[in-house]
C-alpha cells in the first residue's frame, strides 16, 4: 500500500472507473448528517480561497481519506480502482462536481459515468 495526497482535480482528472464492491454498504448519506456538514466545509474552503490575497499561499484542505485498490492496467484498458474505504464521500463528491461544475473543453472526466457498483 502506498499513501498519496491528491487534490480533487488529481483524483478525477484521469480516465478511471471506480468500482464499489458488493460488500460495501449502499449509499446512505443524508442532508442533515453528512451533506450539510460537507457543503459547509466546502463553502468555507472556497470562501478562504476567494478571499485570499493573490500572493498569499493557500493551505490545502483535508476532505477525508479514501482507500483504493488500484491494480496494474494491461494494454489500453481504462484503469479501475476498487473502493475499499470512502465510497460515501467519493460518491458525494462526484454528485457535487457533476451538479455544480460545468464541464469545459478538456475536462471530459466530468461527463463520464458516475461511480459504478460491481455485481
PDB file of N, CA and C in Angstrom:
ATOM      1  N   UNK A   1       0.850  -1.168   0.000  1.00  0.00           N
ATOM      2  CA  UNK A   1       0.000   0.000   0.000  1.00  0.00           C
ATOM      3  C   UNK A   1       0.903   1.239   0.000  1.00  0.00           C
ATOM      4  N   UNK A   2       0.516   2.237  -0.805  1.00  0.00           N
ATOM      5  CA  UNK A   2       1.302   3.467  -0.909  1.00  0.00           C
ATOM      6  C   UNK A   2       0.380   4.665  -0.663  1.00  0.00           C
ATOM      7  N   UNK A   3       0.594   5.413   0.414  1.00  0.00           N
ATOM      8  CA  UNK A   3      -0.255   6.582   0.665  1.00  0.00           C
ATOM      9  C   UNK A   3       0.107   7.735  -0.268  1.00  0.00           C
ATOM     10  N   UNK A   4      -0.894   8.412  -0.770  1.00  0.00           N
ATOM     11  CA  UNK A   4      -0.724   9.590  -1.619  1.00  0.00           C
ATOM     12  C   UNK A   4      -1.644  10.686  -1.120  1.00  0.00           C
ATOM     13  N   UNK A   5      -1.257  11.912  -1.342  1.00  0.00           N
ATOM     14  CA  UNK A   5      -2.115  13.059  -1.078  1.00  0.00           C
ATOM     15  C   UNK A   5      -2.488  13.638  -2.431  1.00  0.00           C
ATOM     16  N   UNK A   6      -3.797  13.678  -2.710  1.00  0.00           N
ATOM     17  CA  UNK A   6      -4.281  14.158  -4.006  1.00  0.00           C
ATOM     18  C   UNK A   6      -5.278  15.283  -3.824  1.00  0.00           C
ATOM     19  N   UNK A   7      -5.313  16.164  -4.801  1.00  0.00           N
ATOM     20  CA  UNK A   7      -6.378  17.163  -4.851  1.00  0.00           C
ATOM     21  C   UNK A   7      -7.601  16.499  -5.488  1.00  0.00           C
ATOM     22  N   UNK A   8      -8.741  17.160  -5.395  1.00  0.00           N
ATOM     23  CA  UNK A   8      -9.942  16.629  -6.050  1.00  0.00           C
ATOM     24  C   UNK A   8      -9.695  16.539  -7.551  1.00  0.00           C
ATOM     25  N   UNK A   9      -9.044  17.546  -8.102  1.00  0.00           N
ATOM     26  CA  UNK A   9      -8.742  17.538  -9.532  1.00  0.00           C
ATOM     27  C   UNK A   9      -7.882  16.336  -9.896  1.00  0.00           C
ATOM     28  N   UNK A  10      -6.848  16.076  -9.118  1.00  0.00           N
ATOM     29  CA  UNK A  10      -5.971  14.933  -9.401  1.00  0.00           C
ATOM     30  C   UNK A  10      -6.725  13.614  -9.282  1.00  0.00           C
ATOM     31  N   UNK A  11      -7.655  13.529  -8.345  1.00  0.00           N
ATOM     32  CA  UNK A  11      -8.423  12.302  -8.159  1.00  0.00           C
ATOM     33  C   UNK A  11      -9.295  12.001  -9.370  1.00  0.00           C
ATOM     34  N   UNK A  12      -9.903  13.040  -9.950  1.00  0.00           N
ATOM     35  CA  UNK A  12     -10.858  12.841 -11.026  1.00  0.00           C
ATOM     36  C   UNK A  12     -10.334  13.175 -12.417  1.00  0.00           C
ATOM     37  N   UNK A  13      -9.092  13.639 -12.547  1.00  0.00           N
ATOM     38  CA  UNK A  13      -8.617  14.072 -13.863  1.00  0.00           C
ATOM     39  C   UNK A  13      -8.353  12.928 -14.832  1.00  0.00           C
ATOM     40  N   UNK A  14      -7.949  11.798 -14.341  1.00  0.00           N
ATOM     41  CA  UNK A  14      -7.636  10.679 -15.230  1.00  0.00           C
ATOM     42  C   UNK A  14      -8.886   9.871 -15.543  1.00  0.00           C
ATOM     43  N   UNK A  15      -8.871   9.244 -16.700  1.00  0.00           N
ATOM     44  CA  UNK A  15      -9.968   8.357 -17.054  1.00  0.00           C
ATOM     45  C   UNK A  15      -9.813   7.096 -16.216  1.00  0.00           C
ATOM     46  N   UNK A  16     -10.750   6.909 -15.298  1.00  0.00           N
ATOM     47  CA  UNK A  16     -10.656   5.803 -14.363  1.00  0.00           C
ATOM     48  C   UNK A  16     -12.062   5.414 -13.928  1.00  0.00           C
ATOM     49  N   UNK A  17     -12.300   4.149 -13.778  1.00  0.00           N
ATOM     50  CA  UNK A  17     -13.570   3.678 -13.254  1.00  0.00           C
ATOM     51  C   UNK A  17     -13.418   3.347 -11.778  1.00  0.00           C
ATOM     52  N   UNK A  18     -14.324   3.830 -10.959  1.00  0.00           N
ATOM     53  CA  UNK A  18     -14.334   3.489  -9.547  1.00  0.00           C
ATOM     54  C   UNK A  18     -15.340   2.369  -9.350  1.00  0.00           C
ATOM     55  N   UNK A  19     -14.901   1.272  -8.789  1.00  0.00           N
ATOM     56  CA  UNK A  19     -15.755   0.110  -8.580  1.00  0.00           C
ATOM     57  C   UNK A  19     -15.998  -0.050  -7.087  1.00  0.00           C
ATOM     58  N   UNK A  20     -17.274  -0.093  -6.711  1.00  0.00           N
ATOM     59  CA  UNK A  20     -17.642  -0.283  -5.314  1.00  0.00           C
ATOM     60  C   UNK A  20     -18.060  -1.741  -5.153  1.00  0.00           C
ATOM     61  N   UNK A  21     -17.273  -2.528  -4.407  1.00  0.00           N
ATOM     62  CA  UNK A  21     -17.595  -3.948  -4.245  1.00  0.00           C
ATOM     63  C   UNK A  21     -18.938  -4.167  -3.532  1.00  0.00           C
ATOM     64  N   UNK A  22     -19.538  -5.305  -3.769  1.00  0.00           N
ATOM     65  CA  UNK A  22     -20.841  -5.617  -3.180  1.00  0.00           C
ATOM     66  C   UNK A  22     -20.820  -5.642  -1.656  1.00  0.00           C
ATOM     67  N   UNK A  23     -19.651  -5.901  -1.054  1.00  0.00           N
ATOM     68  CA  UNK A  23     -19.613  -5.954   0.408  1.00  0.00           C
ATOM     69  C   UNK A  23     -19.722  -4.562   1.045  1.00  0.00           C
ATOM     70  N   UNK A  24     -19.595  -3.510   0.240  1.00  0.00           N
ATOM     71  CA  UNK A  24     -19.758  -2.156   0.761  1.00  0.00           C
ATOM     72  C   UNK A  24     -21.241  -1.881   0.976  1.00  0.00           C
ATOM     73  N   UNK A  25     -21.541  -1.072   1.978  1.00  0.00           N
ATOM     74  CA  UNK A  25     -22.944  -0.717   2.229  1.00  0.00           C
ATOM     75  C   UNK A  25     -23.470   0.178   1.105  1.00  0.00           C
ATOM     76  N   UNK A  26     -24.770   0.227   0.976  1.00  0.00           N
ATOM     77  CA  UNK A  26     -25.401   1.102  -0.013  1.00  0.00           C
ATOM     78  C   UNK A  26     -25.174   2.551   0.397  1.00  0.00           C
ATOM     79  N   UNK A  27     -25.426   3.461  -0.535  1.00  0.00           N
ATOM     80  CA  UNK A  27     -25.257   4.884  -0.246  1.00  0.00           C
ATOM     81  C   UNK A  27     -26.293   5.314   0.777  1.00  0.00           C
ATOM     82  N   UNK A  28     -25.827   5.857   1.908  1.00  0.00           N
ATOM     83  CA  UNK A  28     -26.746   6.208   2.994  1.00  0.00           C
ATOM     84  C   UNK A  28     -26.619   7.653   3.476  1.00  0.00           C
ATOM     85  N   UNK A  29     -25.762   8.446   2.865  1.00  0.00           N
ATOM     86  CA  UNK A  29     -25.615   9.820   3.336  1.00  0.00           C
ATOM     87  C   UNK A  29     -26.922  10.570   3.157  1.00  0.00           C
ATOM     88  N   UNK A  30     -27.228  11.444   4.125  1.00  0.00           N
ATOM     89  CA  UNK A  30     -28.435  12.262   4.040  1.00  0.00           C
ATOM     90  C   UNK A  30     -28.079  13.734   4.263  1.00  0.00           C
ATOM     91  N   UNK A  31     -29.039  14.599   4.028  1.00  0.00           N
ATOM     92  CA  UNK A  31     -28.793  16.035   4.061  1.00  0.00           C
ATOM     93  C   UNK A  31     -28.325  16.506   5.434  1.00  0.00           C
ATOM     94  N   UNK A  32     -29.038  16.148   6.487  1.00  0.00           N
ATOM     95  CA  UNK A  32     -28.727  16.681   7.813  1.00  0.00           C
ATOM     96  C   UNK A  32     -27.400  16.184   8.385  1.00  0.00           C
ATOM     97  N   UNK A  33     -27.150  14.901   8.270  1.00  0.00           N
ATOM     98  CA  UNK A  33     -25.995  14.321   8.949  1.00  0.00           C
ATOM     99  C   UNK A  33     -24.678  14.422   8.177  1.00  0.00           C
ATOM    100  N   UNK A  34     -24.723  14.385   6.832  1.00  0.00           N
ATOM    101  CA  UNK A  34     -23.483  14.380   6.062  1.00  0.00           C
ATOM    102  C   UNK A  34     -23.410  15.463   4.992  1.00  0.00           C
ATOM    103  N   UNK A  35     -24.480  15.616   4.201  1.00  0.00           N
ATOM    104  CA  UNK A  35     -24.415  16.571   3.087  1.00  0.00           C
ATOM    105  C   UNK A  35     -24.196  18.004   3.575  1.00  0.00           C
ATOM    106  N   UNK A  36     -24.980  18.446   4.546  1.00  0.00           N
ATOM    107  CA  UNK A  36     -24.855  19.830   5.029  1.00  0.00           C
ATOM    108  C   UNK A  36     -23.478  20.109   5.628  1.00  0.00           C
ATOM    109  N   UNK A  37     -22.966  19.239   6.510  1.00  0.00           N
ATOM    110  CA  UNK A  37     -21.619  19.499   7.024  1.00  0.00           C
ATOM    111  C   UNK A  37     -20.555  19.510   5.923  1.00  0.00           C
ATOM    112  N   UNK A  38     -20.659  18.610   4.946  1.00  0.00           N
ATOM    113  CA  UNK A  38     -19.695  18.596   3.852  1.00  0.00           C
ATOM    114  C   UNK A  38     -19.815  19.886   3.035  1.00  0.00           C
ATOM    115  N   UNK A  39     -21.044  20.289   2.733  1.00  0.00           N
ATOM    116  CA  UNK A  39     -21.249  21.509   1.952  1.00  0.00           C
ATOM    117  C   UNK A  39     -20.714  22.728   2.703  1.00  0.00           C
ATOM    118  N   UNK A  40     -20.975  22.814   4.011  1.00  0.00           N
ATOM    119  CA  UNK A  40     -20.450  23.922   4.822  1.00  0.00           C
ATOM    120  C   UNK A  40     -18.925  23.936   4.786  1.00  0.00           C
ATOM    121  N   UNK A  41     -18.341  22.776   4.872  1.00  0.00           N
ATOM    122  CA  UNK A  41     -16.889  22.622   4.826  1.00  0.00           C
ATOM    123  C   UNK A  41     -16.337  23.120   3.478  1.00  0.00           C
ATOM    124  N   UNK A  42     -16.983  22.712   2.385  1.00  0.00           N
ATOM    125  CA  UNK A  42     -16.568  23.145   1.050  1.00  0.00           C
ATOM    126  C   UNK A  42     -16.735  24.661   0.878  1.00  0.00           C
ATOM    127  N   UNK A  43     -17.840  25.204   1.383  1.00  0.00           N
ATOM    128  CA  UNK A  43     -18.067  26.653   1.278  1.00  0.00           C
ATOM    129  C   UNK A  43     -16.985  27.437   2.015  1.00  0.00           C
ATOM    130  N   UNK A  44     -16.608  26.979   3.225  1.00  0.00           N
ATOM    131  CA  UNK A  44     -15.543  27.649   3.983  1.00  0.00           C
ATOM    132  C   UNK A  44     -14.228  27.623   3.205  1.00  0.00           C
ATOM    133  N   UNK A  45     -13.920  26.479   2.600  1.00  0.00           N
ATOM    134  CA  UNK A  45     -12.673  26.351   1.835  1.00  0.00           C
ATOM    135  C   UNK A  45     -12.695  27.262   0.602  1.00  0.00           C
ATOM    136  N   UNK A  46     -13.832  27.322  -0.090  1.00  0.00           N
ATOM    137  CA  UNK A  46     -13.952  28.175  -1.276  1.00  0.00           C
ATOM    138  C   UNK A  46     -13.877  29.645  -0.874  1.00  0.00           C
ATOM    139  N   UNK A  47     -14.574  30.029   0.194  1.00  0.00           N
ATOM    140  CA  UNK A  47     -14.527  31.416   0.661  1.00  0.00           C
ATOM    141  C   UNK A  47     -13.101  31.823   1.022  1.00  0.00           C
ATOM    142  N   UNK A  48     -12.384  30.940   1.703  1.00  0.00           N
ATOM    143  CA  UNK A  48     -10.993  31.239   2.069  1.00  0.00           C
ATOM    144  C   UNK A  48     -10.149  31.442   0.819  1.00  0.00           C
ATOM    145  N   UNK A  49     -10.390  30.628  -0.185  1.00  0.00           N
ATOM    146  CA  UNK A  49      -9.650  30.738  -1.448  1.00  0.00           C
ATOM    147  C   UNK A  49      -9.989  32.041  -2.159  1.00  0.00           C
ATOM    148  N   UNK A  50     -11.264  32.375  -2.232  1.00  0.00           N
ATOM    149  CA  UNK A  50     -11.692  33.586  -2.933  1.00  0.00           C
ATOM    150  C   UNK A  50     -11.269  34.861  -2.211  1.00  0.00           C
ATOM    151  N   UNK A  51     -11.195  34.804  -0.879  1.00  0.00           N
ATOM    152  CA  UNK A  51     -10.852  35.986  -0.093  1.00  0.00           C
ATOM    153  C   UNK A  51      -9.352  36.141   0.144  1.00  0.00           C
ATOM    154  N   UNK A  52      -8.581  35.165  -0.278  1.00  0.00           N
ATOM    155  CA  UNK A  52      -7.132  35.230  -0.080  1.00  0.00           C
ATOM    156  C   UNK A  52      -6.522  36.263  -1.023  1.00  0.00           C
ATOM    157  N   UNK A  53      -5.463  36.859  -0.573  1.00  0.00           N
ATOM    158  CA  UNK A  53      -4.747  37.795  -1.440  1.00  0.00           C
ATOM    159  C   UNK A  53      -4.032  36.998  -2.511  1.00  0.00           C
ATOM    160  N   UNK A  54      -3.848  37.579  -3.654  1.00  0.00           N
ATOM    161  CA  UNK A  54      -3.260  36.872  -4.791  1.00  0.00           C
ATOM    162  C   UNK A  54      -1.959  36.158  -4.459  1.00  0.00           C
ATOM    163  N   UNK A  55      -1.075  36.813  -3.739  1.00  0.00           N
ATOM    164  CA  UNK A  55       0.242  36.232  -3.480  1.00  0.00           C
ATOM    165  C   UNK A  55       0.288  35.419  -2.197  1.00  0.00           C
ATOM    166  N   UNK A  56      -0.800  35.385  -1.483  1.00  0.00           N
ATOM    167  CA  UNK A  56      -0.847  34.635  -0.225  1.00  0.00           C
ATOM    168  C   UNK A  56      -0.904  33.142  -0.530  1.00  0.00           C
ATOM    169  N   UNK A  57      -0.093  32.383   0.159  1.00  0.00           N
ATOM    170  CA  UNK A  57      -0.072  30.935  -0.026  1.00  0.00           C
ATOM    171  C   UNK A  57      -1.291  30.325   0.657  1.00  0.00           C
ATOM    172  N   UNK A  58      -2.082  29.595  -0.085  1.00  0.00           N
ATOM    173  CA  UNK A  58      -3.270  28.955   0.486  1.00  0.00           C
ATOM    174  C   UNK A  58      -2.911  27.594   1.055  1.00  0.00           C
ATOM    175  N   UNK A  59      -3.490  27.303   2.190  1.00  0.00           N
ATOM    176  CA  UNK A  59      -3.290  25.986   2.783  1.00  0.00           C
ATOM    177  C   UNK A  59      -4.180  24.980   2.068  1.00  0.00           C
ATOM    178  N   UNK A  60      -3.736  23.739   2.060  1.00  0.00           N
ATOM    179  CA  UNK A  60      -4.584  22.694   1.495  1.00  0.00           C
ATOM    180  C   UNK A  60      -5.702  22.395   2.487  1.00  0.00           C
ATOM    181  N   UNK A  61      -6.704  21.684   2.028  1.00  0.00           N
ATOM    182  CA  UNK A  61      -7.858  21.367   2.864  1.00  0.00           C
ATOM    183  C   UNK A  61      -8.099  19.863   2.811  1.00  0.00           C
ATOM    184  N   UNK A  62      -8.160  19.225   3.960  1.00  0.00           N
ATOM    185  CA  UNK A  62      -8.350  17.778   4.037  1.00  0.00           C
ATOM    186  C   UNK A  62      -9.838  17.446   4.002  1.00  0.00           C
ATOM    187  N   UNK A  63     -10.261  16.693   2.982  1.00  0.00           N
ATOM    188  CA  UNK A  63     -11.662  16.287   2.853  1.00  0.00           C
ATOM    189  C   UNK A  63     -11.919  14.874   3.346  1.00  0.00           C
ATOM    190  N   UNK A  64     -10.905  14.188   3.779  1.00  0.00           N
ATOM    191  CA  UNK A  64     -11.087  12.839   4.290  1.00  0.00           C
ATOM    192  C   UNK A  64     -10.254  11.834   3.528  1.00  0.00           C
ATOM    193  N   UNK A  65     -10.197  10.651   4.085  1.00  0.00           N
ATOM    194  CA  UNK A  65      -9.383   9.591   3.498  1.00  0.00           C
ATOM    195  C   UNK A  65     -10.190   8.772   2.493  1.00  0.00           C
ATOM    196  N   UNK A  66      -9.477   8.234   1.546  1.00  0.00           N
ATOM    197  CA  UNK A  66     -10.043   7.358   0.530  1.00  0.00           C
ATOM    198  C   UNK A  66      -9.042   6.227   0.339  1.00  0.00           C
ATOM    199  N   UNK A  67      -9.501   4.995   0.460  1.00  0.00           N
ATOM    200  CA  UNK A  67      -8.617   3.844   0.289  1.00  0.00           C
ATOM    201  C   UNK A  67      -9.045   3.108  -0.976  1.00  0.00           C
ATOM    202  N   UNK A  68      -8.116   3.019  -1.932  1.00  0.00           N
ATOM    203  CA  UNK A  68      -8.392   2.378  -3.215  1.00  0.00           C
ATOM    204  C   UNK A  68      -7.423   1.235  -3.458  1.00  0.00           C
ATOM    205  N   UNK A  69      -7.904   0.174  -4.062  1.00  0.00           N
ATOM    206  CA  UNK A  69      -7.046  -0.889  -4.574  1.00  0.00           C
ATOM    207  C   UNK A  69      -6.933  -0.627  -6.071  1.00  0.00           C
ATOM    208  N   UNK A  70      -5.719  -0.303  -6.518  1.00  0.00           N
ATOM    209  CA  UNK A  70      -5.510   0.077  -7.917  1.00  0.00           C
ATOM    210  C   UNK A  70      -4.609  -0.964  -8.578  1.00  0.00           C
ATOM    211  N   UNK A  71      -5.216  -1.963  -9.234  1.00  0.00           N
ATOM    212  CA  UNK A  71      -4.391  -2.964  -9.917  1.00  0.00           C
ATOM    213  C   UNK A  71      -3.733  -2.380 -11.163  1.00  0.00           C
ATOM    214  N   UNK A  72      -2.626  -2.975 -11.572  1.00  0.00           N
ATOM    215  CA  UNK A  72      -1.938  -2.531 -12.786  1.00  0.00           C
ATOM    216  C   UNK A  72      -2.818  -2.807 -14.000  1.00  0.00           C
ATOM    217  N   UNK A  73      -2.793  -1.876 -14.942  1.00  0.00           N
ATOM    218  CA  UNK A  73      -3.599  -1.991 -16.165  1.00  0.00           C
ATOM    219  C   UNK A  73      -2.718  -2.535 -17.279  1.00  0.00           C
ATOM    220  N   UNK A  74      -3.222  -3.542 -17.965  1.00  0.00           N
ATOM    221  CA  UNK A  74      -2.526  -4.128 -19.105  1.00  0.00           C
ATOM    222  C   UNK A  74      -3.112  -3.563 -20.389  1.00  0.00           C
ATOM    223  N   UNK A  75      -2.278  -3.071 -21.274  1.00  0.00           N
ATOM    224  CA  UNK A  75      -2.751  -2.571 -22.567  1.00  0.00           C
ATOM    225  C   UNK A  75      -3.408  -1.219 -22.456  1.00  0.00           C
ATOM    226  N   UNK A  76      -4.453  -1.006 -23.256  1.00  0.00           N
ATOM    227  CA  UNK A  76      -5.085   0.310 -23.329  1.00  0.00           C
ATOM    228  C   UNK A  76      -6.411   0.377 -22.574  1.00  0.00           C
ATOM    229  N   UNK A  77      -6.649  -0.545 -21.677  1.00  0.00           N
ATOM    230  CA  UNK A  77      -7.897  -0.537 -20.906  1.00  0.00           C
ATOM    231  C   UNK A  77      -7.934   0.651 -19.950  1.00  0.00           C
ATOM    232  N   UNK A  78      -9.131   1.091 -19.634  1.00  0.00           N
ATOM    233  CA  UNK A  78      -9.316   2.149 -18.645  1.00  0.00           C
ATOM    234  C   UNK A  78      -9.013   1.550 -17.274  1.00  0.00           C
ATOM    235  N   UNK A  79      -8.222   2.266 -16.481  1.00  0.00           N
ATOM    236  CA  UNK A  79      -7.893   1.746 -15.158  1.00  0.00           C
ATOM    237  C   UNK A  79      -9.136   1.736 -14.274  1.00  0.00           C
ATOM    238  N   UNK A  80      -9.181   0.756 -13.379  1.00  0.00           N
ATOM    239  CA  UNK A  80     -10.295   0.617 -12.452  1.00  0.00           C
ATOM    240  C   UNK A  80      -9.730   0.604 -11.048  1.00  0.00           C
ATOM    241  N   UNK A  81     -10.350   1.374 -10.181  1.00  0.00           N
ATOM    242  CA  UNK A  81      -9.935   1.428  -8.790  1.00  0.00           C
ATOM    243  C   UNK A  81     -11.053   0.874  -7.926  1.00  0.00           C
ATOM    244  N   UNK A  82     -10.735  -0.145  -7.144  1.00  0.00           N
ATOM    245  CA  UNK A  82     -11.717  -0.720  -6.228  1.00  0.00           C
ATOM    246  C   UNK A  82     -11.732   0.133  -4.963  1.00  0.00           C
ATOM    247  N   UNK A  83     -12.913   0.613  -4.584  1.00  0.00           N
ATOM    248  CA  UNK A  83     -13.044   1.478  -3.418  1.00  0.00           C
ATOM    249  C   UNK A  83     -13.147   0.606  -2.164  1.00  0.00           C
ATOM    250  N   UNK A  84     -12.110   0.683  -1.331  1.00  0.00           N
ATOM    251  CA  UNK A  84     -12.067  -0.089  -0.095  1.00  0.00           C
ATOM    252  C   UNK A  84     -12.710   0.704   1.045  1.00  0.00           C
ATOM    253  N   UNK A  85     -12.423   1.993   1.102  1.00  0.00           N
ATOM    254  CA  UNK A  85     -12.988   2.856   2.141  1.00  0.00           C
ATOM    255  C   UNK A  85     -13.168   4.263   1.570  1.00  0.00           C
ATOM    256  N   UNK A  86     -14.253   4.913   1.942  1.00  0.00           N
ATOM    257  CA  UNK A  86     -14.509   6.274   1.499  1.00  0.00           C
ATOM    258  C   UNK A  86     -15.510   6.384   0.372  1.00  0.00           C
ATOM    259  N   UNK A  87     -16.266   5.298   0.093  1.00  0.00           N
ATOM    260  CA  UNK A  87     -17.179   5.335  -1.048  1.00  0.00           C
ATOM    261  C   UNK A  87     -18.312   6.341  -0.856  1.00  0.00           C
ATOM    262  N   UNK A  88     -18.762   6.580   0.371  1.00  0.00           N
ATOM    263  CA  UNK A  88     -19.829   7.563   0.597  1.00  0.00           C
ATOM    264  C   UNK A  88     -19.335   8.963   0.215  1.00  0.00           C
ATOM    265  N   UNK A  89     -18.139   9.308   0.677  1.00  0.00           N
ATOM    266  CA  UNK A  89     -17.548  10.614   0.373  1.00  0.00           C
ATOM    267  C   UNK A  89     -17.244  10.747  -1.122  1.00  0.00           C
ATOM    268  N   UNK A  90     -16.671   9.709  -1.706  1.00  0.00           N
ATOM    269  CA  UNK A  90     -16.334   9.724  -3.129  1.00  0.00           C
ATOM    270  C   UNK A  90     -17.591   9.916  -3.985  1.00  0.00           C
ATOM    271  N   UNK A  91     -18.633   9.182  -3.678  1.00  0.00           N
ATOM    272  CA  UNK A  91     -19.891   9.294  -4.417  1.00  0.00           C
ATOM    273  C   UNK A  91     -20.468  10.698  -4.273  1.00  0.00           C
ATOM    274  N   UNK A  92     -20.458  11.234  -3.061  1.00  0.00           N
ATOM    275  CA  UNK A  92     -20.998  12.568  -2.816  1.00  0.00           C
ATOM    276  C   UNK A  92     -20.203  13.628  -3.562  1.00  0.00           C
ATOM    277  N   UNK A  93     -18.878  13.521  -3.558  1.00  0.00           N
ATOM    278  CA  UNK A  93     -18.058  14.490  -4.296  1.00  0.00           C
ATOM    279  C   UNK A  93     -18.352  14.430  -5.790  1.00  0.00           C
ATOM    280  N   UNK A  94     -18.567  13.231  -6.308  1.00  0.00           N
ATOM    281  CA  UNK A  94     -18.912  13.119  -7.732  1.00  0.00           C
ATOM    282  C   UNK A  94     -20.255  13.770  -8.024  1.00  0.00           C
ATOM    283  N   UNK A  95     -21.219  13.588  -7.150  1.00  0.00           N
ATOM    284  CA  UNK A  95     -22.534  14.206  -7.332  1.00  0.00           C
ATOM    285  C   UNK A  95     -22.399  15.729  -7.301  1.00  0.00           C
ATOM    286  N   UNK A  96     -21.658  16.251  -6.325  1.00  0.00           N
ATOM    287  CA  UNK A  96     -21.461  17.698  -6.206  1.00  0.00           C
ATOM    288  C   UNK A  96     -20.771  18.243  -7.449  1.00  0.00           C
ATOM    289  N   UNK A  97     -19.715  17.577  -7.897  1.00  0.00           N
ATOM    290  CA  UNK A  97     -18.998  18.043  -9.088  1.00  0.00           C
ATOM    291  C   UNK A  97     -19.885  18.028 -10.323  1.00  0.00           C
ATOM    292  N   UNK A  98     -20.630  16.950 -10.500  1.00  0.00           N
ATOM    293  CA  UNK A  98     -21.497  16.846 -11.684  1.00  0.00           C
ATOM    294  C   UNK A  98     -22.613  17.881 -11.647  1.00  0.00           C
ATOM    295  N   UNK A  99     -23.049  18.245 -10.471  1.00  0.00           N
ATOM    296  CA  UNK A  99     -24.159  19.191 -10.334  1.00  0.00           C
ATOM    297  C   UNK A  99     -23.706  20.644 -10.405  1.00  0.00           C
ATOM    298  N   UNK A 100     -22.530  20.945  -9.852  1.00  0.00           N
ATOM    299  CA  UNK A 100     -22.139  22.344  -9.671  1.00  0.00           C
ATOM    300  C   UNK A 100     -20.962  22.813 -10.509  1.00  0.00           C
ATOM    301  N   UNK A 101     -20.303  21.923 -11.189  1.00  0.00           N
ATOM    302  CA  UNK A 101     -19.161  22.321 -12.006  1.00  0.00           C
ATOM    303  C   UNK A 101     -19.513  22.063 -13.460  1.00  0.00           C
ATOM    304  N   UNK A 102     -19.489  23.115 -14.262  1.00  0.00           N
ATOM    305  CA  UNK A 102     -19.780  22.941 -15.687  1.00  0.00           C
ATOM    306  C   UNK A 102     -18.566  22.361 -16.384  1.00  0.00           C
ATOM    307  N   UNK A 103     -18.762  21.301 -17.126  1.00  0.00           N
ATOM    308  CA  UNK A 103     -17.632  20.744 -17.871  1.00  0.00           C
ATOM    309  C   UNK A 103     -17.129  21.751 -18.909  1.00  0.00           C
ATOM    310  N   UNK A 104     -15.828  21.870 -18.983  1.00  0.00           N
ATOM    311  CA  UNK A 104     -15.204  22.708 -20.003  1.00  0.00           C
ATOM    312  C   UNK A 104     -14.469  21.793 -20.958  1.00  0.00           C
ATOM    313  N   UNK A 105     -14.144  22.319 -22.121  1.00  0.00           N
ATOM    314  CA  UNK A 105     -13.340  21.526 -23.048  1.00  0.00           C
ATOM    315  C   UNK A 105     -12.084  21.064 -22.335  1.00  0.00           C
ATOM    316  N   UNK A 106     -11.733  19.824 -22.527  1.00  0.00           N
ATOM    317  CA  UNK A 106     -10.538  19.289 -21.880  1.00  0.00           C
ATOM    318  C   UNK A 106     -10.844  18.647 -20.540  1.00  0.00           C
ATOM    319  N   UNK A 107     -12.050  18.831 -20.023  1.00  0.00           N
ATOM    320  CA  UNK A 107     -12.426  18.217 -18.753  1.00  0.00           C
ATOM    321  C   UNK A 107     -13.496  17.157 -18.983  1.00  0.00           C
ATOM    322  N   UNK A 108     -13.213  16.257 -19.865  1.00  0.00           N
ATOM    323  CA  UNK A 108     -14.178  15.214 -20.223  1.00  0.00           C
ATOM    324  C   UNK A 108     -14.546  14.331 -19.037  1.00  0.00           C
ATOM    325  N   UNK A 109     -13.680  14.261 -18.033  1.00  0.00           N
ATOM    326  CA  UNK A 109     -13.946  13.375 -16.905  1.00  0.00           C
ATOM    327  C   UNK A 109     -15.237  13.737 -16.183  1.00  0.00           C
ATOM    328  N   UNK A 110     -15.688  14.986 -16.265  1.00  0.00           N
ATOM    329  CA  UNK A 110     -16.914  15.373 -15.588  1.00  0.00           C
ATOM    330  C   UNK A 110     -18.156  14.864 -16.307  1.00  0.00           C
ATOM    331  N   UNK A 111     -18.009  14.445 -17.556  1.00  0.00           N
ATOM    332  CA  UNK A 111     -19.154  13.965 -18.326  1.00  0.00           C
ATOM    333  C   UNK A 111     -19.274  12.450 -18.313  1.00  0.00           C
ATOM    334  N   UNK A 112     -18.315  11.783 -17.741  1.00  0.00           N
ATOM    335  CA  UNK A 112     -18.300  10.325 -17.763  1.00  0.00           C
ATOM    336  C   UNK A 112     -19.221   9.737 -16.700  1.00  0.00           C
ATOM    337  N   UNK A 113     -19.336   8.423 -16.741  1.00  0.00           N
ATOM    338  CA  UNK A 113     -20.201   7.718 -15.811  1.00  0.00           C
ATOM    339  C   UNK A 113     -19.819   7.987 -14.358  1.00  0.00           C
ATOM    340  N   UNK A 114     -20.802   8.024 -13.459  1.00  0.00           N
ATOM    341  CA  UNK A 114     -20.506   8.146 -12.029  1.00  0.00           C
ATOM    342  C   UNK A 114     -19.950   6.821 -11.507  1.00  0.00           C
ATOM    343  N   UNK A 115     -19.751   6.763 -10.227  1.00  0.00           N
ATOM    344  CA  UNK A 115     -19.217   5.575  -9.578  1.00  0.00           C
ATOM    345  C   UNK A 115     -20.028   4.353  -9.980  1.00  0.00           C
ATOM    346  N   UNK A 116     -19.343   3.300 -10.392  1.00  0.00           N
ATOM    347  CA  UNK A 116     -20.017   2.054 -10.778  1.00  0.00           C
ATOM    348  C   UNK A 116     -20.043   1.099  -9.605  1.00  0.00           C
ATOM    349  N   UNK A 117     -21.045   0.289  -9.533  1.00  0.00           N
ATOM    350  CA  UNK A 117     -21.144  -0.723  -8.474  1.00  0.00           C
ATOM    351  C   UNK A 117     -20.984  -2.078  -9.146  1.00  0.00           C
ATOM    352  N   UNK A 118     -20.040  -2.872  -8.672  1.00  0.00           N
ATOM    353  CA  UNK A 118     -19.814  -4.183  -9.295  1.00  0.00           C
ATOM    354  C   UNK A 118     -20.926  -5.144  -8.893  1.00  0.00           C
ATOM    355  N   UNK A 119     -21.166  -6.128  -9.745  1.00  0.00           N
ATOM    356  CA  UNK A 119     -22.256  -7.087  -9.481  1.00  0.00           C
ATOM    357  C   UNK A 119     -21.715  -8.478  -9.364  1.00  0.00           C
TER     358      UNK A 119
END
